[in-house]
Amino acid sequence: MKKRQLGKSGLEVSALGLGCMGMSFAYGTPPDKKEMIALIRSAYEHGITFFDTAEAYGPYINEELVGEAVVPFRDKVAIATKFGFKFDASRKNSGVDSRPGHVREVAEASLKRLKVDAIDLFYQHRVDPDVPIEDVAGAVKELIKEGKVKHFGMSEAGVKTIRRAHAVQPVTAVQSEYSLWWRKPEEELIPTLEELGIGFVPFSPLGKGFLTGTIDARTTFDKSDFRNVVPRFTAENRKANQALVDSLTAIAEKKKATPAQIALAWLLAQKPWIVPIPGTTKLHRLKENNDAARLPLSSEELSKIHSALENIKVAGDRYPEELEKRTGL
């Protein structure tokens, strides 16, 4: 797989990364751990060198999974993890916490779970409104000086906050949702990242599975699946949003590709410093996604995609209201 550099940072990774969250968290009963270790190792064999996790995924168990899986090739890959939440004794998420002391505690714990000497990319998972971002960036800067972290990242942050953080410690990458059915980053975020020389890592590049064409209004989710609380995934909204998938499928058929491959290829074509991180728990989906990195789209094809989709209005918010309040700060 071809490599890409995240902004001007010098961090070079595979053009597609692997989002590992769903292997332990959020999308129903987690698969077998040994199978997921094998999948991560297969991902590396297929050219993926960028793996995304977080202390919040589980919590903790996804970092442990990734750490164990990459042992045979640790020095040849980049691992991104995240800080910024706090958990009570029962491991329940009890809100954001980016106090400098807590940032350091999370870094130390993540290093142990990941079995590494340094964290390649350390994201603030969500902005903490009670802690000045300059203090957060300063805490990460100290960790970088100490060799415990290599690069600083931010997740779902607003452009003003990104600028303030970047002035203290250069931000290597920003992670936010971006796909054919969530294009808000095009308004302010992407132009700001281009100006500052920061890489962009879209999560949910396949719309939490919807853009694969395998989900419709009749689909049911496991009771622990996060999508049960996502407004965009109500049966009514899934039915309304089918028009987007139908258009994507028609485009894919002409290209002899799948809807997922077109969605990923479209993202890769937007900017050379964009690295999507689709997640999967299945080897055949991993291979399908990877093939998107070898699917060039001409300017004419990109224009046709834009024309086909520009008049389709997506129904439903991407997050419940209480979770949306944590983004774009």
C-alpha atoms as a PDB file:
ATOM      1  CA  MET A   1       0.000   0.000   0.000  1.00  0.00           C
ATOM      2  CA  LYS A   2       1.181   3.517  -0.762  1.00  0.00           C
ATOM      3  CA  LYS A   3       2.263   5.747   2.124  1.00  0.00           C
ATOM      4  CA  ARG A   4       1.070   9.217   3.067  1.00  0.00           C
ATOM      5  CA  GLN A   5       2.508  11.877   5.325  1.00  0.00           C
ATOM      6  CA  LEU A   6       0.251  13.459   7.924  1.00  0.00           C
ATOM      7  CA  GLY A   7       0.690  17.147   7.221  1.00  0.00           C
ATOM      8  CA  LYS A   8       4.182  18.566   7.621  1.00  0.00           C
ATOM      9  CA  SER A   9       4.985  16.459  10.660  1.00  0.00           C
ATOM     10  CA  GLY A  10       7.109  13.796   9.048  1.00  0.00           C
ATOM     11  CA  LEU A  11       4.813  11.034  10.337  1.00  0.00           C
ATOM     12  CA  GLU A  12       4.476   8.650   7.384  1.00  0.00           C
ATOM     13  CA  VAL A  13       1.773   5.979   7.484  1.00  0.00           C
ATOM     14  CA  SER A  14      -0.164   3.747   5.100  1.00  0.00           C
ATOM     15  CA  ALA A  15      -2.740   5.575   2.970  1.00  0.00           C
ATOM     16  CA  LEU A  16      -5.458   3.736   4.906  1.00  0.00           C
ATOM     17  CA  GLY A  17      -5.207   2.995   8.588  1.00  0.00           C
ATOM     18  CA  LEU A  18      -7.214   0.560  10.682  1.00  0.00           C
ATOM     19  CA  GLY A  19      -9.687   1.755  13.288  1.00  0.00           C
ATOM     20  CA  CYS A  20      -9.595  -0.879  16.036  1.00  0.00           C
ATOM     21  CA  MET A  21     -12.405   0.378  18.304  1.00  0.00           C
ATOM     22  CA  GLY A  22     -15.027  -2.065  17.044  1.00  0.00           C
ATOM     23  CA  MET A  23     -12.819  -5.005  17.959  1.00  0.00           C
ATOM     24  CA  SER A  24     -13.534  -4.356  21.637  1.00  0.00           C
ATOM     25  CA  PHE A  25     -16.243  -1.740  21.982  1.00  0.00           C
ATOM     26  CA  ALA A  26     -19.333   0.079  20.675  1.00  0.00           C
ATOM     27  CA  TYR A  27     -20.699  -2.252  17.989  1.00  0.00           C
ATOM     28  CA  GLY A  28     -22.293  -5.075  19.930  1.00  0.00           C
ATOM     29  CA  THR A  29     -20.671  -8.128  21.529  1.00  0.00           C
ATOM     30  CA  PRO A  30     -16.915  -7.945  20.857  1.00  0.00           C
ATOM     31  CA  PRO A  31     -15.441 -10.698  18.675  1.00  0.00           C
ATOM     32  CA  ASP A  32     -12.925 -13.241  19.951  1.00  0.00           C
ATOM     33  CA  LYS A  33      -9.677 -11.563  21.029  1.00  0.00           C
ATOM     34  CA  LYS A  34      -7.441 -14.111  19.283  1.00  0.00           C
ATOM     35  CA  GLU A  35      -9.320 -13.579  16.038  1.00  0.00           C
ATOM     36  CA  MET A  36      -8.844  -9.822  16.312  1.00  0.00           C
ATOM     37  CA  ILE A  37      -5.126 -10.210  16.992  1.00  0.00           C
ATOM     38  CA  ALA A  38      -4.926 -12.333  13.854  1.00  0.00           C
ATOM     39  CA  LEU A  39      -6.871  -9.682  11.922  1.00  0.00           C
ATOM     40  CA  ILE A  40      -4.519  -6.890  13.007  1.00  0.00           C
ATOM     41  CA  ARG A  41      -1.557  -8.995  11.962  1.00  0.00           C
ATOM     42  CA  SER A  42      -3.237  -9.693   8.616  1.00  0.00           C
ATOM     43  CA  ALA A  43      -3.772  -5.956   8.202  1.00  0.00           C
ATOM     44  CA  TYR A  44      -0.041  -5.421   8.557  1.00  0.00           C
ATOM     45  CA  GLU A  45       0.637  -8.177   6.006  1.00  0.00           C
ATOM     46  CA  HIS A  46      -1.701  -6.325   3.638  1.00  0.00           C
ATOM     47  CA  GLY A  47       0.246  -3.083   3.988  1.00  0.00           C
ATOM     48  CA  ILE A  48      -1.458  -1.247   6.860  1.00  0.00           C
ATOM     49  CA  THR A  49       1.013   0.485   9.160  1.00  0.00           C
ATOM     50  CA  PHE A  50      -1.316   2.811  11.090  1.00  0.00           C
ATOM     51  CA  PHE A  51      -3.511   1.513  13.915  1.00  0.00           C
ATOM     52  CA  ASP A  52      -5.982   3.590  15.912  1.00  0.00           C
ATOM     53  CA  THR A  53      -7.069   2.849  19.478  1.00  0.00           C
ATOM     54  CA  ALA A  54      -7.890   4.711  22.739  1.00  0.00           C
ATOM     55  CA  GLU A  55      -7.985   4.120  26.477  1.00  0.00           C
ATOM     56  CA  ALA A  56     -11.749   4.731  26.280  1.00  0.00           C
ATOM     57  CA  TYR A  57     -12.336   1.742  24.002  1.00  0.00           C
ATOM     58  CA  GLY A  58     -13.387  -0.892  26.481  1.00  0.00           C
ATOM     59  CA  PRO A  59     -12.131   0.997  28.398  1.00  0.00           C
ATOM     60  CA  TYR A  60      -8.512  -0.125  28.317  1.00  0.00           C
ATOM     61  CA  ILE A  61      -8.958  -3.520  26.650  1.00  0.00           C
ATOM     62  CA  ASN A  62      -8.589  -2.266  23.081  1.00  0.00           C
ATOM     63  CA  GLU A  63      -5.166  -0.786  23.834  1.00  0.00           C
ATOM     64  CA  GLU A  64      -4.149  -4.125  25.346  1.00  0.00           C
ATOM     65  CA  LEU A  65      -5.385  -5.927  22.234  1.00  0.00           C
ATOM     66  CA  VAL A  66      -3.502  -3.654  19.847  1.00  0.00           C
ATOM     67  CA  GLY A  67      -0.384  -3.768  21.988  1.00  0.00           C
ATOM     68  CA  GLU A  68      -0.308  -7.549  21.938  1.00  0.00           C
ATOM     69  CA  ALA A  69      -1.126  -7.799  18.235  1.00  0.00           C
ATOM     70  CA  VAL A  70       1.659  -5.543  16.950  1.00  0.00           C
ATOM     71  CA  VAL A  71       4.512  -7.051  18.984  1.00  0.00           C
ATOM     72  CA  PRO A  72       6.039  -8.855  15.949  1.00  0.00           C
ATOM     73  CA  PHE A  73       6.318  -5.643  13.907  1.00  0.00           C
ATOM     74  CA  ARG A  74       6.150  -2.851  16.458  1.00  0.00           C
ATOM     75  CA  ASP A  75       9.041  -0.860  15.003  1.00  0.00           C
ATOM     76  CA  LYS A  76       7.418  -0.823  11.563  1.00  0.00           C
ATOM     77  CA  VAL A  77       4.014   0.664  12.458  1.00  0.00           C
ATOM     78  CA  ALA A  78       2.494   3.757  14.061  1.00  0.00           C
ATOM     79  CA  ILE A  79      -0.048   3.483  16.863  1.00  0.00           C
ATOM     80  CA  ALA A  80      -2.423   6.310  17.703  1.00  0.00           C
ATOM     81  CA  THR A  81      -4.178   6.397  21.060  1.00  0.00           C
ATOM     82  CA  LYS A  82      -6.093   9.006  23.030  1.00  0.00           C
ATOM     83  CA  PHE A  83      -6.520  10.723  26.387  1.00  0.00           C
ATOM     84  CA  GLY A  84      -9.172  13.049  27.728  1.00  0.00           C
ATOM     85  CA  PHE A  85     -11.816  11.029  29.583  1.00  0.00           C
ATOM     86  CA  LYS A  86     -12.034   9.842  33.175  1.00  0.00           C
ATOM     87  CA  PHE A  87     -13.458   6.569  34.440  1.00  0.00           C
ATOM     88  CA  ASP A  88     -14.851   5.566  37.818  1.00  0.00           C
ATOM     89  CA  ALA A  89     -14.035   2.380  39.743  1.00  0.00           C
ATOM     90  CA  SER A  90     -16.459   0.391  37.597  1.00  0.00           C
ATOM     91  CA  ARG A  91     -14.768   1.694  34.423  1.00  0.00           C
ATOM     92  CA  LYS A  92     -17.773   3.833  33.549  1.00  0.00           C
ATOM     93  CA  ASN A  93     -17.018   7.008  31.610  1.00  0.00           C
ATOM     94  CA  SER A  94     -17.629   9.913  33.975  1.00  0.00           C
ATOM     95  CA  GLY A  95     -16.788  12.844  31.710  1.00  0.00           C
ATOM     96  CA  VAL A  96     -13.830  14.655  30.203  1.00  0.00           C
ATOM     97  CA  ASP A  97     -10.555  15.287  31.997  1.00  0.00           C
ATOM     98  CA  SER A  98      -7.555  16.865  30.296  1.00  0.00           C
ATOM     99  CA  ARG A  99      -5.815  18.259  33.333  1.00  0.00           C
ATOM    100  CA  PRO A 100      -2.049  18.071  32.714  1.00  0.00           C
ATOM    101  CA  GLY A 101      -1.517  15.645  35.572  1.00  0.00           C
ATOM    102  CA  HIS A 102      -4.187  13.346  34.194  1.00  0.00           C
ATOM    103  CA  VAL A 103      -2.735  13.555  30.678  1.00  0.00           C
ATOM    104  CA  ARG A 104       0.547  12.269  32.066  1.00  0.00           C
ATOM    105  CA  GLU A 105      -1.174   9.481  34.019  1.00  0.00           C
ATOM    106  CA  VAL A 106      -2.976   8.307  30.890  1.00  0.00           C
ATOM    107  CA  ALA A 107       0.234   8.384  28.865  1.00  0.00           C
ATOM    108  CA  GLU A 108       2.063   6.238  31.405  1.00  0.00           C
ATOM    109  CA  ALA A 109      -0.793   3.725  31.546  1.00  0.00           C
ATOM    110  CA  SER A 110      -1.166   3.604  27.760  1.00  0.00           C
ATOM    111  CA  LEU A 111       2.550   2.958  27.307  1.00  0.00           C
ATOM    112  CA  LYS A 112       2.243  -0.134  29.479  1.00  0.00           C
ATOM    113  CA  ARG A 113      -0.920  -1.426  27.814  1.00  0.00           C
ATOM    114  CA  LEU A 114       0.507  -0.873  24.344  1.00  0.00           C
ATOM    115  CA  LYS A 115       3.858  -2.418  25.349  1.00  0.00           C
ATOM    116  CA  VAL A 116       5.779   0.497  23.799  1.00  0.00           C
ATOM    117  CA  ASP A 117       8.445   2.986  24.836  1.00  0.00           C
ATOM    118  CA  ALA A 118       6.749   5.887  23.052  1.00  0.00           C
ATOM    119  CA  ILE A 119       3.245   6.667  21.755  1.00  0.00           C
ATOM    120  CA  ASP A 120       3.454   7.560  18.071  1.00  0.00           C
ATOM    121  CA  LEU A 121       0.377   9.826  18.021  1.00  0.00           C
ATOM    122  CA  PHE A 122      -1.384  10.981  21.188  1.00  0.00           C
ATOM    123  CA  TYR A 123      -4.770  12.596  20.580  1.00  0.00           C
ATOM    124  CA  GLN A 124      -6.867  14.624  22.958  1.00  0.00           C
ATOM    125  CA  HIS A 125     -10.056  12.569  22.552  1.00  0.00           C
ATOM    126  CA  ARG A 126     -12.431  15.445  23.261  1.00  0.00           C
ATOM    127  CA  VAL A 127     -11.782  19.049  24.243  1.00  0.00           C
ATOM    128  CA  ASP A 128     -12.125  19.716  27.967  1.00  0.00           C
ATOM    129  CA  PRO A 129     -13.885  23.086  28.401  1.00  0.00           C
ATOM    130  CA  ASP A 130     -12.522  23.377  31.950  1.00  0.00           C
ATOM    131  CA  VAL A 131      -8.847  23.140  30.996  1.00  0.00           C
ATOM    132  CA  PRO A 132      -7.181  25.769  28.769  1.00  0.00           C
ATOM    133  CA  ILE A 133      -6.028  24.068  25.594  1.00  0.00           C
ATOM    134  CA  GLU A 134      -2.646  25.737  26.030  1.00  0.00           C
ATOM    135  CA  ASP A 135      -2.176  23.724  29.238  1.00  0.00           C
ATOM    136  CA  VAL A 136      -3.122  20.513  27.454  1.00  0.00           C
ATOM    137  CA  ALA A 137      -0.753  21.175  24.566  1.00  0.00           C
ATOM    138  CA  GLY A 138       1.949  22.089  27.066  1.00  0.00           C
ATOM    139  CA  ALA A 139       1.493  18.785  28.889  1.00  0.00           C
ATOM    140  CA  VAL A 140       1.881  16.840  25.644  1.00  0.00           C
ATOM    141  CA  LYS A 141       4.886  18.985  24.724  1.00  0.00           C
ATOM    142  CA  GLU A 142       6.591  17.875  27.928  1.00  0.00           C
ATOM    143  CA  LEU A 143       5.843  14.238  27.144  1.00  0.00           C
ATOM    144  CA  ILE A 144       7.347  14.716  23.682  1.00  0.00           C
ATOM    145  CA  LYS A 145      10.487  16.252  25.214  1.00  0.00           C
ATOM    146  CA  GLU A 146      10.758  13.217  27.480  1.00  0.00           C
ATOM    147  CA  GLY A 147      10.455  10.838  24.544  1.00  0.00           C
ATOM    148  CA  LYS A 148       7.227   9.262  25.767  1.00  0.00           C
ATOM    149  CA  VAL A 149       5.129  10.707  22.926  1.00  0.00           C
ATOM    150  CA  LYS A 150       6.201  11.430  19.347  1.00  0.00           C
ATOM    151  CA  HIS A 151       3.285  13.437  17.921  1.00  0.00           C
ATOM    152  CA  PHE A 152       0.333  15.447  19.259  1.00  0.00           C
ATOM    153  CA  GLY A 153      -3.167  15.067  17.835  1.00  0.00           C
ATOM    154  CA  MET A 154      -6.675  16.349  18.504  1.00  0.00           C
ATOM    155  CA  SER A 155     -10.050  14.708  17.954  1.00  0.00           C
ATOM    156  CA  GLU A 156     -13.307  16.509  17.101  1.00  0.00           C
ATOM    157  CA  ALA A 157     -11.867  19.918  18.020  1.00  0.00           C
ATOM    158  CA  GLY A 158     -12.980  23.253  16.573  1.00  0.00           C
ATOM    159  CA  VAL A 159     -10.667  25.364  14.439  1.00  0.00           C
ATOM    160  CA  LYS A 160     -10.083  28.084  17.047  1.00  0.00           C
ATOM    161  CA  THR A 161      -9.014  25.514  19.609  1.00  0.00           C
ATOM    162  CA  ILE A 162      -6.766  23.797  17.068  1.00  0.00           C
ATOM    163  CA  ARG A 163      -5.027  27.082  16.296  1.00  0.00           C
ATOM    164  CA  ARG A 164      -4.418  27.808  19.980  1.00  0.00           C
ATOM    165  CA  ALA A 165      -3.041  24.334  20.621  1.00  0.00           C
ATOM    166  CA  HIS A 166      -0.878  24.391  17.490  1.00  0.00           C
ATOM    167  CA  ALA A 167       0.781  27.612  18.673  1.00  0.00           C
ATOM    168  CA  VAL A 168       2.047  25.816  21.794  1.00  0.00           C
ATOM    169  CA  GLN A 169       2.828  22.370  20.379  1.00  0.00           C
ATOM    170  CA  PRO A 170       2.505  21.673  16.648  1.00  0.00           C
ATOM    171  CA  VAL A 171      -0.451  19.405  15.975  1.00  0.00           C
ATOM    172  CA  THR A 172       0.408  16.508  13.675  1.00  0.00           C
ATOM    173  CA  ALA A 173      -3.116  15.290  12.941  1.00  0.00           C
ATOM    174  CA  VAL A 174      -6.748  16.031  13.668  1.00  0.00           C
ATOM    175  CA  GLN A 175      -9.228  13.186  13.794  1.00  0.00           C
ATOM    176  CA  SER A 176     -12.879  13.885  13.045  1.00  0.00           C
ATOM    177  CA  GLU A 177     -15.767  12.229  11.277  1.00  0.00           C
ATOM    178  CA  TYR A 178     -15.729  12.782   7.521  1.00  0.00           C
ATOM    179  CA  SER A 179     -17.419  10.836   4.743  1.00  0.00           C
ATOM    180  CA  LEU A 180     -19.814  11.203   1.854  1.00  0.00           C
ATOM    181  CA  TRP A 181     -22.640  11.546   4.355  1.00  0.00           C
ATOM    182  CA  TRP A 182     -20.875  13.887   6.794  1.00  0.00           C
ATOM    183  CA  ARG A 183     -19.104  16.652   4.905  1.00  0.00           C
ATOM    184  CA  LYS A 184     -19.141  19.460   7.450  1.00  0.00           C
ATOM    185  CA  PRO A 185     -15.303  19.384   7.792  1.00  0.00           C
ATOM    186  CA  GLU A 186     -15.116  20.886   4.306  1.00  0.00           C
ATOM    187  CA  GLU A 187     -16.519  24.174   5.606  1.00  0.00           C
ATOM    188  CA  GLU A 188     -13.798  25.248   8.066  1.00  0.00           C
ATOM    189  CA  LEU A 189     -11.748  22.324   9.307  1.00  0.00           C
ATOM    190  CA  ILE A 190     -10.058  21.115   6.131  1.00  0.00           C
ATOM    191  CA  PRO A 191      -9.051  24.633   4.951  1.00  0.00           C
ATOM    192  CA  THR A 192      -7.592  25.324   8.410  1.00  0.00           C
ATOM    193  CA  LEU A 193      -5.625  22.076   8.458  1.00  0.00           C
ATOM    194  CA  GLU A 194      -4.252  22.797   4.991  1.00  0.00           C
ATOM    195  CA  GLU A 195      -3.166  26.270   6.078  1.00  0.00           C
ATOM    196  CA  LEU A 196      -1.417  24.960   9.196  1.00  0.00           C
ATOM    197  CA  GLY A 197       0.101  21.858   7.633  1.00  0.00           C
ATOM    198  CA  ILE A 198      -1.827  19.398   9.806  1.00  0.00           C
ATOM    199  CA  GLY A 199      -2.883  15.948   8.635  1.00  0.00           C
ATOM    200  CA  PHE A 200      -6.502  14.770   8.709  1.00  0.00           C
ATOM    201  CA  VAL A 201      -7.613  11.332   9.895  1.00  0.00           C
ATOM    202  CA  PRO A 202     -11.309  10.732   9.129  1.00  0.00           C
ATOM    203  CA  PHE A 203     -13.031   8.224  11.349  1.00  0.00           C
ATOM    204  CA  SER A 204     -16.302   6.558  10.335  1.00  0.00           C
ATOM    205  CA  PRO A 205     -15.315   7.013   6.662  1.00  0.00           C
ATOM    206  CA  LEU A 206     -17.990   4.467   5.765  1.00  0.00           C
ATOM    207  CA  GLY A 207     -20.698   6.151   7.830  1.00  0.00           C
ATOM    208  CA  LYS A 208     -20.529   3.584  10.661  1.00  0.00           C
ATOM    209  CA  GLY A 209     -21.191   0.908   8.073  1.00  0.00           C
ATOM    210  CA  PHE A 210     -24.096   2.544   6.275  1.00  0.00           C
ATOM    211  CA  LEU A 211     -22.144   3.424   3.132  1.00  0.00           C
ATOM    212  CA  THR A 212     -21.225  -0.218   2.581  1.00  0.00           C
ATOM    213  CA  GLY A 213     -24.760  -0.891   1.382  1.00  0.00           C
ATOM    214  CA  THR A 214     -25.230  -3.713   3.890  1.00  0.00           C
ATOM    215  CA  ILE A 215     -27.572  -1.786   6.215  1.00  0.00           C
ATOM    216  CA  ASP A 216     -31.158  -0.772   5.460  1.00  0.00           C
ATOM    217  CA  ALA A 217     -34.361   0.149   7.308  1.00  0.00           C
ATOM    218  CA  ARG A 218     -34.941  -3.485   8.279  1.00  0.00           C
ATOM    219  CA  THR A 219     -31.535  -4.005   9.877  1.00  0.00           C
ATOM    220  CA  THR A 220     -31.506  -4.676  13.626  1.00  0.00           C
ATOM    221  CA  PHE A 221     -28.553  -3.981  15.885  1.00  0.00           C
ATOM    222  CA  ASP A 222     -27.332  -5.724  19.028  1.00  0.00           C
ATOM    223  CA  LYS A 223     -28.688  -4.018  22.152  1.00  0.00           C
ATOM    224  CA  SER A 224     -25.189  -2.815  23.065  1.00  0.00           C
ATOM    225  CA  ASP A 225     -24.533  -1.354  19.599  1.00  0.00           C
ATOM    226  CA  PHE A 226     -23.824   2.393  19.707  1.00  0.00           C
ATOM    227  CA  ARG A 227     -25.865   2.945  16.545  1.00  0.00           C
ATOM    228  CA  ASN A 228     -29.082   2.338  18.491  1.00  0.00           C
ATOM    229  CA  VAL A 229     -28.773   5.850  19.950  1.00  0.00           C
ATOM    230  CA  VAL A 230     -27.568   7.593  16.794  1.00  0.00           C
ATOM    231  CA  PRO A 231     -30.419   9.675  15.254  1.00  0.00           C
ATOM    232  CA  ARG A 232     -29.156   8.986  11.747  1.00  0.00           C
ATOM    233  CA  PHE A 233     -29.719   5.262  12.358  1.00  0.00           C
ATOM    234  CA  THR A 234     -33.400   5.266  13.256  1.00  0.00           C
ATOM    235  CA  ALA A 235     -35.348   3.015  10.895  1.00  0.00           C
ATOM    236  CA  GLU A 236     -37.094   6.064   9.438  1.00  0.00           C
ATOM    237  CA  ASN A 237     -33.839   7.885   8.740  1.00  0.00           C
ATOM    238  CA  ARG A 238     -32.157   4.785   7.351  1.00  0.00           C
ATOM    239  CA  LYS A 239     -35.022   4.487   4.896  1.00  0.00           C
ATOM    240  CA  ALA A 240     -34.676   8.152   3.941  1.00  0.00           C
ATOM    241  CA  ASN A 241     -30.901   7.823   3.573  1.00  0.00           C
ATOM    242  CA  GLN A 242     -31.141   4.801   1.275  1.00  0.00           C
ATOM    243  CA  ALA A 243     -31.119   7.181  -1.686  1.00  0.00           C
ATOM    244  CA  LEU A 244     -27.504   8.062  -0.898  1.00  0.00           C
ATOM    245  CA  VAL A 245     -26.456   4.414  -0.855  1.00  0.00           C
ATOM    246  CA  ASP A 246     -28.408   3.686  -4.039  1.00  0.00           C
ATOM    247  CA  SER A 247     -26.563   6.477  -5.859  1.00  0.00           C
ATOM    248  CA  LEU A 248     -23.234   5.289  -4.488  1.00  0.00           C
ATOM    249  CA  THR A 249     -24.011   1.724  -5.568  1.00  0.00           C
ATOM    250  CA  ALA A 250     -24.845   2.822  -9.104  1.00  0.00           C
ATOM    251  CA  ILE A 251     -21.527   4.671  -9.341  1.00  0.00           C
ATOM    252  CA  ALA A 252     -19.669   1.657  -7.923  1.00  0.00           C
ATOM    253  CA  GLU A 253     -21.205  -0.751 -10.444  1.00  0.00           C
ATOM    254  CA  LYS A 254     -19.959   1.358 -13.352  1.00  0.00           C
ATOM    255  CA  LYS A 255     -16.476   1.312 -11.810  1.00  0.00           C
ATOM    256  CA  LYS A 256     -16.659  -2.433 -11.055  1.00  0.00           C
ATOM    257  CA  ALA A 257     -16.135  -1.635  -7.396  1.00  0.00           C
ATOM    258  CA  THR A 258     -18.154  -1.731  -4.186  1.00  0.00           C
ATOM    259  CA  PRO A 259     -19.900   1.250  -2.547  1.00  0.00           C
ATOM    260  CA  ALA A 260     -17.380   1.090   0.320  1.00  0.00           C
ATOM    261  CA  GLN A 261     -14.461   1.270  -2.092  1.00  0.00           C
ATOM    262  CA  ILE A 262     -15.905   4.297  -3.858  1.00  0.00           C
ATOM    263  CA  ALA A 263     -16.532   6.036  -0.513  1.00  0.00           C
ATOM    264  CA  LEU A 264     -12.933   5.455   0.597  1.00  0.00           C
ATOM    265  CA  ALA A 265     -11.410   6.311  -2.774  1.00  0.00           C
ATOM    266  CA  TRP A 266     -13.390   9.549  -2.755  1.00  0.00           C
ATOM    267  CA  LEU A 267     -11.899  10.478   0.627  1.00  0.00           C
ATOM    268  CA  LEU A 268      -8.369   9.659  -0.501  1.00  0.00           C
ATOM    269  CA  ALA A 269      -8.862  11.864  -3.558  1.00  0.00           C
ATOM    270  CA  GLN A 270      -9.768  14.946  -1.520  1.00  0.00           C
ATOM    271  CA  LYS A 271      -6.280  15.728  -0.159  1.00  0.00           C
ATOM    272  CA  PRO A 272      -2.931  13.878  -0.186  1.00  0.00           C
ATOM    273  CA  TRP A 273      -2.646  14.298   3.606  1.00  0.00           C
ATOM    274  CA  ILE A 274      -5.950  12.599   4.425  1.00  0.00           C
ATOM    275  CA  VAL A 275      -5.673   9.098   5.940  1.00  0.00           C
ATOM    276  CA  PRO A 276      -9.040   7.416   6.616  1.00  0.00           C
ATOM    277  CA  ILE A 277      -9.241   4.725   9.307  1.00  0.00           C
ATOM    278  CA  PRO A 278     -12.088   2.358   8.419  1.00  0.00           C
ATOM    279  CA  GLY A 279     -12.742  -0.246  11.073  1.00  0.00           C
ATOM    280  CA  THR A 280     -13.714  -3.858  10.566  1.00  0.00           C
ATOM    281  CA  THR A 281     -13.715  -7.208  12.330  1.00  0.00           C
ATOM    282  CA  LYS A 282     -13.715  -9.268   9.113  1.00  0.00           C
ATOM    283  CA  LEU A 283     -10.785 -10.147   6.889  1.00  0.00           C
ATOM    284  CA  HIS A 284     -12.776  -9.965   3.647  1.00  0.00           C
ATOM    285  CA  ARG A 285     -13.894  -6.425   4.535  1.00  0.00           C
ATOM    286  CA  LEU A 286     -10.306  -5.483   5.333  1.00  0.00           C
ATOM    287  CA  LYS A 287      -9.219  -6.655   1.881  1.00  0.00           C
ATOM    288  CA  GLU A 288     -12.148  -4.860   0.254  1.00  0.00           C
ATOM    289  CA  ASN A 289     -11.278  -1.609   2.012  1.00  0.00           C
ATOM    290  CA  ASN A 290      -7.591  -1.913   1.161  1.00  0.00           C
ATOM    291  CA  ASP A 291      -8.379  -2.260  -2.532  1.00  0.00           C
ATOM    292  CA  ALA A 292      -9.849   1.248  -2.387  1.00  0.00           C
ATOM    293  CA  ALA A 293      -6.317   2.600  -2.027  1.00  0.00           C
ATOM    294  CA  ARG A 294      -5.632   1.262  -5.529  1.00  0.00           C
ATOM    295  CA  LEU A 295      -8.808   2.693  -7.041  1.00  0.00           C
ATOM    296  CA  PRO A 296      -8.003   6.002  -8.732  1.00  0.00           C
ATOM    297  CA  LEU A 297     -10.855   8.381  -9.415  1.00  0.00           C
ATOM    298  CA  SER A 298     -10.466  10.861 -12.249  1.00  0.00           C
ATOM    299  CA  SER A 299     -11.548  14.467 -11.908  1.00  0.00           C
ATOM    300  CA  GLU A 300     -14.456  13.617 -14.193  1.00  0.00           C
ATOM    301  CA  GLU A 301     -15.510  10.716 -11.975  1.00  0.00           C
ATOM    302  CA  LEU A 302     -15.209  12.856  -8.852  1.00  0.00           C
ATOM    303  CA  SER A 303     -17.378  15.494 -10.528  1.00  0.00           C
ATOM    304  CA  LYS A 304     -19.995  12.852 -11.353  1.00  0.00           C
ATOM    305  CA  ILE A 305     -20.009  11.642  -7.759  1.00  0.00           C
ATOM    306  CA  HIS A 306     -20.480  15.201  -6.549  1.00  0.00           C
ATOM    307  CA  SER A 307     -23.295  15.842  -9.015  1.00  0.00           C
ATOM    308  CA  ALA A 308     -25.055  12.599  -8.137  1.00  0.00           C
ATOM    309  CA  LEU A 309     -24.971  13.230  -4.417  1.00  0.00           C
ATOM    310  CA  GLU A 310     -25.221  17.002  -4.032  1.00  0.00           C
ATOM    311  CA  ASN A 311     -29.021  17.055  -4.114  1.00  0.00           C
ATOM    312  CA  ILE A 312     -29.461  14.231  -1.619  1.00  0.00           C
ATOM    313  CA  LYS A 313     -30.208  15.521   1.859  1.00  0.00           C
ATOM    314  CA  VAL A 314     -29.051  13.212   4.642  1.00  0.00           C
ATOM    315  CA  ALA A 315     -31.656  12.650   7.344  1.00  0.00           C
ATOM    316  CA  GLY A 316     -30.806  12.591  11.037  1.00  0.00           C
ATOM    317  CA  ASP A 317     -28.033  13.976  13.232  1.00  0.00           C
ATOM    318  CA  ARG A 318     -24.764  12.062  13.488  1.00  0.00           C
ATOM    319  CA  TYR A 319     -24.754  12.069  17.314  1.00  0.00           C
ATOM    320  CA  PRO A 320     -27.326  12.321  20.108  1.00  0.00           C
ATOM    321  CA  GLU A 321     -27.471  15.891  21.394  1.00  0.00           C
ATOM    322  CA  GLU A 322     -25.458  15.232  24.566  1.00  0.00           C
ATOM    323  CA  LEU A 323     -22.561  13.749  22.567  1.00  0.00           C
ATOM    324  CA  GLU A 324     -22.628  16.432  19.877  1.00  0.00           C
ATOM    325  CA  LYS A 325     -22.074  19.017  22.625  1.00  0.00           C
ATOM    326  CA  ARG A 326     -18.619  17.520  23.187  1.00  0.00           C
ATOM    327  CA  THR A 327     -17.493  18.197  19.612  1.00  0.00           C
ATOM    328  CA  GLY A 328     -16.233  21.228  17.756  1.00  0.00           C
ATOM    329  CA  LEU A 329     -15.131  23.106  20.867  1.00  0.00           C
END
